[in-house]
Amino acid sequence: MDDKCIMESLLLTTKGVCDLYLHGAIESGTENVHKAFCSALDESLFLQDNLYQKMSAQGWYPTEQADPQRIQKVKQKFSN
C-alpha cells in the first residue's frame, strides 16, 4: 500500500468518524454528552483538514473550479 492509499484511507475513516460524532451531538440527551460529542467532532474536523491539506499539497486531492454559469443557474433555480 503506497502513501496515497494510506492517506485516502485515513481521510475516509476520519470523514466517517466526523459523521458519527455529528449525529451523536445532534441526538445527545444531556448537555455533558452533547459537549463531549462536539469536542470530539471539532478534533476530528481539525484532523480531517490536516489530512486534506497534506493530500492536496502532494497533488493527491485535485479540485476543479465550478463553472460560473452553472452556479448562476442553480442560484436562479432556488431563488424562485
PDB file of N, CA and C in Angstrom:
ATOM      1  N   MET A   1       0.862  -1.179   0.000  1.00  0.00           N
ATOM      2  CA  MET A   1       0.000   0.000   0.000  1.00  0.00           C
ATOM      3  C   MET A   1       0.903   1.235   0.000  1.00  0.00           C
ATOM      4  N   ASP A   2       0.675   2.120  -0.956  1.00  0.00           N
ATOM      5  CA  ASP A   2       1.510   3.318  -1.037  1.00  0.00           C
ATOM      6  C   ASP A   2       0.957   4.429  -0.139  1.00  0.00           C
ATOM      7  N   ASP A   3       1.727   5.513  -0.032  1.00  0.00           N
ATOM      8  CA  ASP A   3       1.349   6.618   0.853  1.00  0.00           C
ATOM      9  C   ASP A   3       0.012   7.242   0.472  1.00  0.00           C
ATOM     10  N   LYS A   4      -0.254   7.361  -0.823  1.00  0.00           N
ATOM     11  CA  LYS A   4      -1.512   7.947  -1.267  1.00  0.00           C
ATOM     12  C   LYS A   4      -2.691   7.105  -0.791  1.00  0.00           C
ATOM     13  N   CYS A   5      -2.609   5.810  -0.929  1.00  0.00           N
ATOM     14  CA  CYS A   5      -3.691   4.921  -0.490  1.00  0.00           C
ATOM     15  C   CYS A   5      -3.888   4.993   1.021  1.00  0.00           C
ATOM     16  N   ILE A   6      -2.795   5.079   1.752  1.00  0.00           N
ATOM     17  CA  ILE A   6      -2.881   5.190   3.213  1.00  0.00           C
ATOM     18  C   ILE A   6      -3.581   6.491   3.591  1.00  0.00           C
ATOM     19  N   MET A   7      -3.186   7.584   2.951  1.00  0.00           N
ATOM     20  CA  MET A   7      -3.797   8.882   3.258  1.00  0.00           C
ATOM     21  C   MET A   7      -5.276   8.891   2.874  1.00  0.00           C
ATOM     22  N   GLU A   8      -5.622   8.302   1.734  1.00  0.00           N
ATOM     23  CA  GLU A   8      -7.023   8.221   1.331  1.00  0.00           C
ATOM     24  C   GLU A   8      -7.832   7.438   2.355  1.00  0.00           C
ATOM     25  N   SER A   9      -7.277   6.345   2.827  1.00  0.00           N
ATOM     26  CA  SER A   9      -7.954   5.528   3.826  1.00  0.00           C
ATOM     27  C   SER A   9      -8.145   6.301   5.130  1.00  0.00           C
ATOM     28  N   LEU A  10      -7.099   7.003   5.562  1.00  0.00           N
ATOM     29  CA  LEU A  10      -7.201   7.815   6.776  1.00  0.00           C
ATOM     30  C   LEU A  10      -8.253   8.912   6.619  1.00  0.00           C
ATOM     31  N   LEU A  11      -8.266   9.562   5.467  1.00  0.00           N
ATOM     32  CA  LEU A  11      -9.226  10.641   5.236  1.00  0.00           C
ATOM     33  C   LEU A  11     -10.657  10.104   5.231  1.00  0.00           C
ATOM     34  N   LEU A  12     -10.895   9.000   4.546  1.00  0.00           N
ATOM     35  CA  LEU A  12     -12.239   8.426   4.507  1.00  0.00           C
ATOM     36  C   LEU A  12     -12.699   7.978   5.890  1.00  0.00           C
ATOM     37  N   THR A  13     -11.793   7.385   6.654  1.00  0.00           N
ATOM     38  CA  THR A  13     -12.132   6.968   8.015  1.00  0.00           C
ATOM     39  C   THR A  13     -12.446   8.170   8.886  1.00  0.00           C
ATOM     40  N   THR A  14     -11.645   9.211   8.763  1.00  0.00           N
ATOM     41  CA  THR A  14     -11.862  10.424   9.556  1.00  0.00           C
ATOM     42  C   THR A  14     -13.185  11.083   9.187  1.00  0.00           C
ATOM     43  N   LYS A  15     -13.521  11.106   7.911  1.00  0.00           N
ATOM     44  CA  LYS A  15     -14.815  11.658   7.495  1.00  0.00           C
ATOM     45  C   LYS A  15     -15.961  10.855   8.100  1.00  0.00           C
ATOM     46  N   GLY A  16     -15.821   9.547   8.131  1.00  0.00           N
ATOM     47  CA  GLY A  16     -16.847   8.696   8.743  1.00  0.00           C
ATOM     48  C   GLY A  16     -16.993   8.967  10.230  1.00  0.00           C
ATOM     49  N   VAL A  17     -15.872   9.153  10.900  1.00  0.00           N
ATOM     50  CA  VAL A  17     -15.890   9.472  12.330  1.00  0.00           C
ATOM     51  C   VAL A  17     -16.583  10.811  12.560  1.00  0.00           C
ATOM     52  N   CYS A  18     -16.281  11.800  11.712  1.00  0.00           N
ATOM     53  CA  CYS A  18     -16.937  13.107  11.829  1.00  0.00           C
ATOM     54  C   CYS A  18     -18.452  12.958  11.726  1.00  0.00           C
ATOM     55  N   ASP A  19     -18.897  12.144  10.794  1.00  0.00           N
ATOM     56  CA  ASP A  19     -20.328  11.914  10.620  1.00  0.00           C
ATOM     57  C   ASP A  19     -20.940  11.291  11.875  1.00  0.00           C
ATOM     58  N   LEU A  20     -20.261  10.319  12.454  1.00  0.00           N
ATOM     59  CA  LEU A  20     -20.765   9.686  13.674  1.00  0.00           C
ATOM     60  C   LEU A  20     -20.827  10.678  14.830  1.00  0.00           C
ATOM     61  N   TYR A  21     -19.785  11.470  14.992  1.00  0.00           N
ATOM     62  CA  TYR A  21     -19.777  12.450  16.081  1.00  0.00           C
ATOM     63  C   TYR A  21     -20.855  13.515  15.879  1.00  0.00           C
ATOM     64  N   LEU A  22     -21.079  13.930  14.634  1.00  0.00           N
ATOM     65  CA  LEU A  22     -22.126  14.904  14.355  1.00  0.00           C
ATOM     66  C   LEU A  22     -23.484  14.353  14.788  1.00  0.00           C
ATOM     67  N   HIS A  23     -23.773  13.123  14.392  1.00  0.00           N
ATOM     68  CA  HIS A  23     -25.049  12.531  14.772  1.00  0.00           C
ATOM     69  C   HIS A  23     -25.133  12.312  16.278  1.00  0.00           C
ATOM     70  N   GLY A  24     -24.023  11.973  16.905  1.00  0.00           N
ATOM     71  CA  GLY A  24     -24.015  11.844  18.356  1.00  0.00           C
ATOM     72  C   GLY A  24     -24.340  13.155  19.029  1.00  0.00           C
ATOM     73  N   ALA A  25     -23.787  14.249  18.514  1.00  0.00           N
ATOM     74  CA  ALA A  25     -24.059  15.569  19.089  1.00  0.00           C
ATOM     75  C   ALA A  25     -25.523  15.950  18.882  1.00  0.00           C
ATOM     76  N   ILE A  26     -26.056  15.670  17.709  1.00  0.00           N
ATOM     77  CA  ILE A  26     -27.448  16.012  17.413  1.00  0.00           C
ATOM     78  C   ILE A  26     -28.414  15.226  18.306  1.00  0.00           C
ATOM     79  N   GLU A  27     -28.105  13.962  18.526  1.00  0.00           N
ATOM     80  CA  GLU A  27     -29.025  13.081  19.241  1.00  0.00           C
ATOM     81  C   GLU A  27     -28.743  12.990  20.743  1.00  0.00           C
ATOM     82  N   SER A  28     -27.724  13.668  21.235  1.00  0.00           N
ATOM     83  CA  SER A  28     -27.371  13.528  22.653  1.00  0.00           C
ATOM     84  C   SER A  28     -28.489  14.037  23.555  1.00  0.00           C
ATOM     85  N   GLY A  29     -28.652  13.332  24.666  1.00  0.00           N
ATOM     86  CA  GLY A  29     -29.751  13.649  25.569  1.00  0.00           C
ATOM     87  C   GLY A  29     -29.400  14.590  26.700  1.00  0.00           C
ATOM     88  N   THR A  30     -28.124  14.764  26.962  1.00  0.00           N
ATOM     89  CA  THR A  30     -27.716  15.645  28.054  1.00  0.00           C
ATOM     90  C   THR A  30     -26.648  16.622  27.563  1.00  0.00           C
ATOM     91  N   GLU A  31     -26.493  17.711  28.291  1.00  0.00           N
ATOM     92  CA  GLU A  31     -25.513  18.732  27.916  1.00  0.00           C
ATOM     93  C   GLU A  31     -24.089  18.178  27.946  1.00  0.00           C
ATOM     94  N   ASN A  32     -23.771  17.356  28.951  1.00  0.00           N
ATOM     95  CA  ASN A  32     -22.419  16.788  29.050  1.00  0.00           C
ATOM     96  C   ASN A  32     -22.095  15.890  27.859  1.00  0.00           C
ATOM     97  N   VAL A  33     -23.040  15.072  27.465  1.00  0.00           N
ATOM     98  CA  VAL A  33     -22.830  14.180  26.315  1.00  0.00           C
ATOM     99  C   VAL A  33     -22.715  15.019  25.044  1.00  0.00           C
ATOM    100  N   HIS A  34     -23.577  16.027  24.921  1.00  0.00           N
ATOM    101  CA  HIS A  34     -23.531  16.913  23.759  1.00  0.00           C
ATOM    102  C   HIS A  34     -22.163  17.585  23.642  1.00  0.00           C
ATOM    103  N   LYS A  35     -21.659  18.107  24.752  1.00  0.00           N
ATOM    104  CA  LYS A  35     -20.348  18.773  24.740  1.00  0.00           C
ATOM    105  C   LYS A  35     -19.235  17.798  24.381  1.00  0.00           C
ATOM    106  N   ALA A  36     -19.326  16.567  24.889  1.00  0.00           N
ATOM    107  CA  ALA A  36     -18.301  15.559  24.581  1.00  0.00           C
ATOM    108  C   ALA A  36     -18.283  15.255  23.088  1.00  0.00           C
ATOM    109  N   PHE A  37     -19.461  15.066  22.495  1.00  0.00           N
ATOM    110  CA  PHE A  37     -19.519  14.798  21.053  1.00  0.00           C
ATOM    111  C   PHE A  37     -19.039  16.003  20.246  1.00  0.00           C
ATOM    112  N   CYS A  38     -19.419  17.205  20.663  1.00  0.00           N
ATOM    113  CA  CYS A  38     -18.979  18.409  19.946  1.00  0.00           C
ATOM    114  C   CYS A  38     -17.465  18.568  20.003  1.00  0.00           C
ATOM    115  N   SER A  39     -16.892  18.297  21.153  1.00  0.00           N
ATOM    116  CA  SER A  39     -15.435  18.392  21.299  1.00  0.00           C
ATOM    117  C   SER A  39     -14.736  17.361  20.403  1.00  0.00           C
ATOM    118  N   ALA A  40     -15.250  16.129  20.410  1.00  0.00           N
ATOM    119  CA  ALA A  40     -14.674  15.081  19.558  1.00  0.00           C
ATOM    120  C   ALA A  40     -14.836  15.440  18.084  1.00  0.00           C
ATOM    121  N   LEU A  41     -15.977  16.025  17.733  1.00  0.00           N
ATOM    122  CA  LEU A  41     -16.204  16.444  16.347  1.00  0.00           C
ATOM    123  C   LEU A  41     -15.214  17.523  15.936  1.00  0.00           C
ATOM    124  N   ASP A  42     -15.003  18.512  16.795  1.00  0.00           N
ATOM    125  CA  ASP A  42     -14.034  19.579  16.489  1.00  0.00           C
ATOM    126  C   ASP A  42     -12.641  19.011  16.247  1.00  0.00           C
ATOM    127  N   GLU A  43     -12.216  18.096  17.105  1.00  0.00           N
ATOM    128  CA  GLU A  43     -10.889  17.483  16.945  1.00  0.00           C
ATOM    129  C   GLU A  43     -10.812  16.681  15.646  1.00  0.00           C
ATOM    130  N   SER A  44     -11.867  15.970  15.332  1.00  0.00           N
ATOM    131  CA  SER A  44     -11.881  15.160  14.109  1.00  0.00           C
ATOM    132  C   SER A  44     -11.894  16.027  12.856  1.00  0.00           C
ATOM    133  N   LEU A  45     -12.624  17.141  12.911  1.00  0.00           N
ATOM    134  CA  LEU A  45     -12.625  18.059  11.769  1.00  0.00           C
ATOM    135  C   LEU A  45     -11.249  18.689  11.569  1.00  0.00           C
ATOM    136  N   PHE A  46     -10.571  18.987  12.657  1.00  0.00           N
ATOM    137  CA  PHE A  46      -9.207  19.520  12.576  1.00  0.00           C
ATOM    138  C   PHE A  46      -8.286  18.491  11.915  1.00  0.00           C
ATOM    139  N   LEU A  47      -8.396  17.232  12.335  1.00  0.00           N
ATOM    140  CA  LEU A  47      -7.589  16.165  11.750  1.00  0.00           C
ATOM    141  C   LEU A  47      -7.929  15.976  10.274  1.00  0.00           C
ATOM    142  N   GLN A  48      -9.213  16.010   9.953  1.00  0.00           N
ATOM    143  CA  GLN A  48      -9.635  15.856   8.554  1.00  0.00           C
ATOM    144  C   GLN A  48      -9.040  16.960   7.693  1.00  0.00           C
ATOM    145  N   ASP A  49      -9.057  18.191   8.191  1.00  0.00           N
ATOM    146  CA  ASP A  49      -8.497  19.308   7.428  1.00  0.00           C
ATOM    147  C   ASP A  49      -6.995  19.135   7.225  1.00  0.00           C
ATOM    148  N   ASN A  50      -6.297  18.690   8.260  1.00  0.00           N
ATOM    149  CA  ASN A  50      -4.848  18.454   8.133  1.00  0.00           C
ATOM    150  C   ASN A  50      -4.554  17.385   7.090  1.00  0.00           C
ATOM    151  N   LEU A  51      -5.318  16.310   7.107  1.00  0.00           N
ATOM    152  CA  LEU A  51      -5.119  15.254   6.115  1.00  0.00           C
ATOM    153  C   LEU A  51      -5.385  15.785   4.710  1.00  0.00           C
ATOM    154  N   TYR A  52      -6.480  16.542   4.564  1.00  0.00           N
ATOM    155  CA  TYR A  52      -6.795  17.115   3.254  1.00  0.00           C
ATOM    156  C   TYR A  52      -5.665  18.028   2.772  1.00  0.00           C
ATOM    157  N   GLN A  53      -5.173  18.904   3.639  1.00  0.00           N
ATOM    158  CA  GLN A  53      -4.109  19.836   3.258  1.00  0.00           C
ATOM    159  C   GLN A  53      -2.857  19.085   2.804  1.00  0.00           C
ATOM    160  N   LYS A  54      -2.489  18.032   3.514  1.00  0.00           N
ATOM    161  CA  LYS A  54      -1.303  17.241   3.142  1.00  0.00           C
ATOM    162  C   LYS A  54      -1.520  16.536   1.806  1.00  0.00           C
ATOM    163  N   MET A  55      -2.714  15.984   1.606  1.00  0.00           N
ATOM    164  CA  MET A  55      -3.000  15.318   0.338  1.00  0.00           C
ATOM    165  C   MET A  55      -3.026  16.316  -0.817  1.00  0.00           C
ATOM    166  N   SER A  56      -3.605  17.461  -0.586  1.00  0.00           N
ATOM    167  CA  SER A  56      -3.672  18.490  -1.620  1.00  0.00           C
ATOM    168  C   SER A  56      -2.279  18.969  -2.005  1.00  0.00           C
ATOM    169  N   ALA A  57      -1.410  19.128  -1.011  1.00  0.00           N
ATOM    170  CA  ALA A  57      -0.038  19.571  -1.280  1.00  0.00           C
ATOM    171  C   ALA A  57       0.722  18.558  -2.137  1.00  0.00           C
ATOM    172  N   GLN A  58       0.369  17.286  -2.024  1.00  0.00           N
ATOM    173  CA  GLN A  58       1.023  16.236  -2.814  1.00  0.00           C
ATOM    174  C   GLN A  58       0.353  16.040  -4.180  1.00  0.00           C
ATOM    175  N   GLY A  59      -0.760  16.751  -4.404  1.00  0.00           N
ATOM    176  CA  GLY A  59      -1.489  16.577  -5.658  1.00  0.00           C
ATOM    177  C   GLY A  59      -2.383  15.355  -5.653  1.00  0.00           C
ATOM    178  N   TRP A  60      -2.677  14.826  -4.457  1.00  0.00           N
ATOM    179  CA  TRP A  60      -3.486  13.608  -4.322  1.00  0.00           C
ATOM    180  C   TRP A  60      -4.967  13.901  -4.134  1.00  0.00           C
ATOM    181  N   TYR A  61      -5.337  15.158  -4.060  1.00  0.00           N
ATOM    182  CA  TYR A  61      -6.746  15.530  -3.884  1.00  0.00           C
ATOM    183  C   TYR A  61      -7.025  16.712  -4.804  1.00  0.00           C
ATOM    184  N   PRO A  62      -7.124  16.431  -6.097  1.00  0.00           N
ATOM    185  CA  PRO A  62      -7.324  17.526  -7.049  1.00  0.00           C
ATOM    186  C   PRO A  62      -8.721  18.123  -6.933  1.00  0.00           C
ATOM    187  N   THR A  63      -8.802  19.403  -7.142  1.00  0.00           N
ATOM    188  CA  THR A  63     -10.091  20.092  -7.150  1.00  0.00           C
ATOM    189  C   THR A  63     -10.240  20.827  -8.477  1.00  0.00           C
ATOM    190  N   GLU A  64     -11.458  21.170  -8.802  1.00  0.00           N
ATOM    191  CA  GLU A  64     -11.697  21.911 -10.036  1.00  0.00           C
ATOM    192  C   GLU A  64     -12.593  23.105  -9.729  1.00  0.00           C
ATOM    193  N   GLN A  65     -12.442  24.130 -10.521  1.00  0.00           N
ATOM    194  CA  GLN A  65     -13.247  25.338 -10.369  1.00  0.00           C
ATOM    195  C   GLN A  65     -14.672  25.057 -10.843  1.00  0.00           C
ATOM    196  N   ALA A  66     -15.627  25.574 -10.111  1.00  0.00           N
ATOM    197  CA  ALA A  66     -17.018  25.450 -10.530  1.00  0.00           C
ATOM    198  C   ALA A  66     -17.282  26.404 -11.692  1.00  0.00           C
ATOM    199  N   ASP A  67     -18.074  25.943 -12.640  1.00  0.00           N
ATOM    200  CA  ASP A  67     -18.433  26.751 -13.799  1.00  0.00           C
ATOM    201  C   ASP A  67     -19.377  27.873 -13.351  1.00  0.00           C
ATOM    202  N   PRO A  68     -18.994  29.146 -13.561  1.00  0.00           N
ATOM    203  CA  PRO A  68     -19.841  30.267 -13.128  1.00  0.00           C
ATOM    204  C   PRO A  68     -21.258  30.216 -13.693  1.00  0.00           C
ATOM    205  N   GLN A  69     -21.416  29.725 -14.904  1.00  0.00           N
ATOM    206  CA  GLN A  69     -22.754  29.627 -15.496  1.00  0.00           C
ATOM    207  C   GLN A  69     -23.620  28.622 -14.741  1.00  0.00           C
ATOM    208  N   ARG A  70     -23.031  27.520 -14.331  1.00  0.00           N
ATOM    209  CA  ARG A  70     -23.784  26.518 -13.565  1.00  0.00           C
ATOM    210  C   ARG A  70     -24.165  27.062 -12.197  1.00  0.00           C
ATOM    211  N   ILE A  71     -23.266  27.840 -11.593  1.00  0.00           N
ATOM    212  CA  ILE A  71     -23.559  28.456 -10.297  1.00  0.00           C
ATOM    213  C   ILE A  71     -24.760  29.381 -10.422  1.00  0.00           C
ATOM    214  N   GLN A  72     -24.763  30.222 -11.459  1.00  0.00           N
ATOM    215  CA  GLN A  72     -25.877  31.143 -11.675  1.00  0.00           C
ATOM    216  C   GLN A  72     -27.188  30.394 -11.924  1.00  0.00           C
ATOM    217  N   LYS A  73     -27.093  29.302 -12.657  1.00  0.00           N
ATOM    218  CA  LYS A  73     -28.281  28.504 -12.949  1.00  0.00           C
ATOM    219  C   LYS A  73     -28.883  27.942 -11.660  1.00  0.00           C
ATOM    220  N   VAL A  74     -28.050  27.438 -10.782  1.00  0.00           N
ATOM    221  CA  VAL A  74     -28.529  26.893  -9.504  1.00  0.00           C
ATOM    222  C   VAL A  74     -29.093  28.013  -8.637  1.00  0.00           C
ATOM    223  N   LYS A  75     -28.421  29.165  -8.604  1.00  0.00           N
ATOM    224  CA  LYS A  75     -28.930  30.298  -7.830  1.00  0.00           C
ATOM    225  C   LYS A  75     -30.329  30.698  -8.303  1.00  0.00           C
ATOM    226  N   GLN A  76     -30.497  30.771  -9.615  1.00  0.00           N
ATOM    227  CA  GLN A  76     -31.792  31.147 -10.166  1.00  0.00           C
ATOM    228  C   GLN A  76     -32.851  30.100  -9.835  1.00  0.00           C
ATOM    229  N   LYS A  77     -32.472  28.851  -9.894  1.00  0.00           N
ATOM    230  CA  LYS A  77     -33.410  27.774  -9.611  1.00  0.00           C
ATOM    231  C   LYS A  77     -33.969  27.874  -8.193  1.00  0.00           C
ATOM    232  N   PHE A  78     -33.103  28.169  -7.231  1.00  0.00           N
ATOM    233  CA  PHE A  78     -33.526  28.178  -5.836  1.00  0.00           C
ATOM    234  C   PHE A  78     -33.981  29.550  -5.341  1.00  0.00           C
ATOM    235  N   SER A  79     -33.850  30.577  -6.153  1.00  0.00           N
ATOM    236  CA  SER A  79     -34.324  31.898  -5.723  1.00  0.00           C
ATOM    237  C   SER A  79     -35.781  32.116  -6.092  1.00  0.00           C
ATOM    238  N   ASN A  80     -36.312  31.247  -6.935  1.00  0.00           N
ATOM    239  CA  ASN A  80     -37.716  31.388  -7.365  1.00  0.00           C
ATOM    240  C   ASN A  80     -38.628  30.820  -6.356  1.00  0.00           C
TER     241      ASN A  80
END
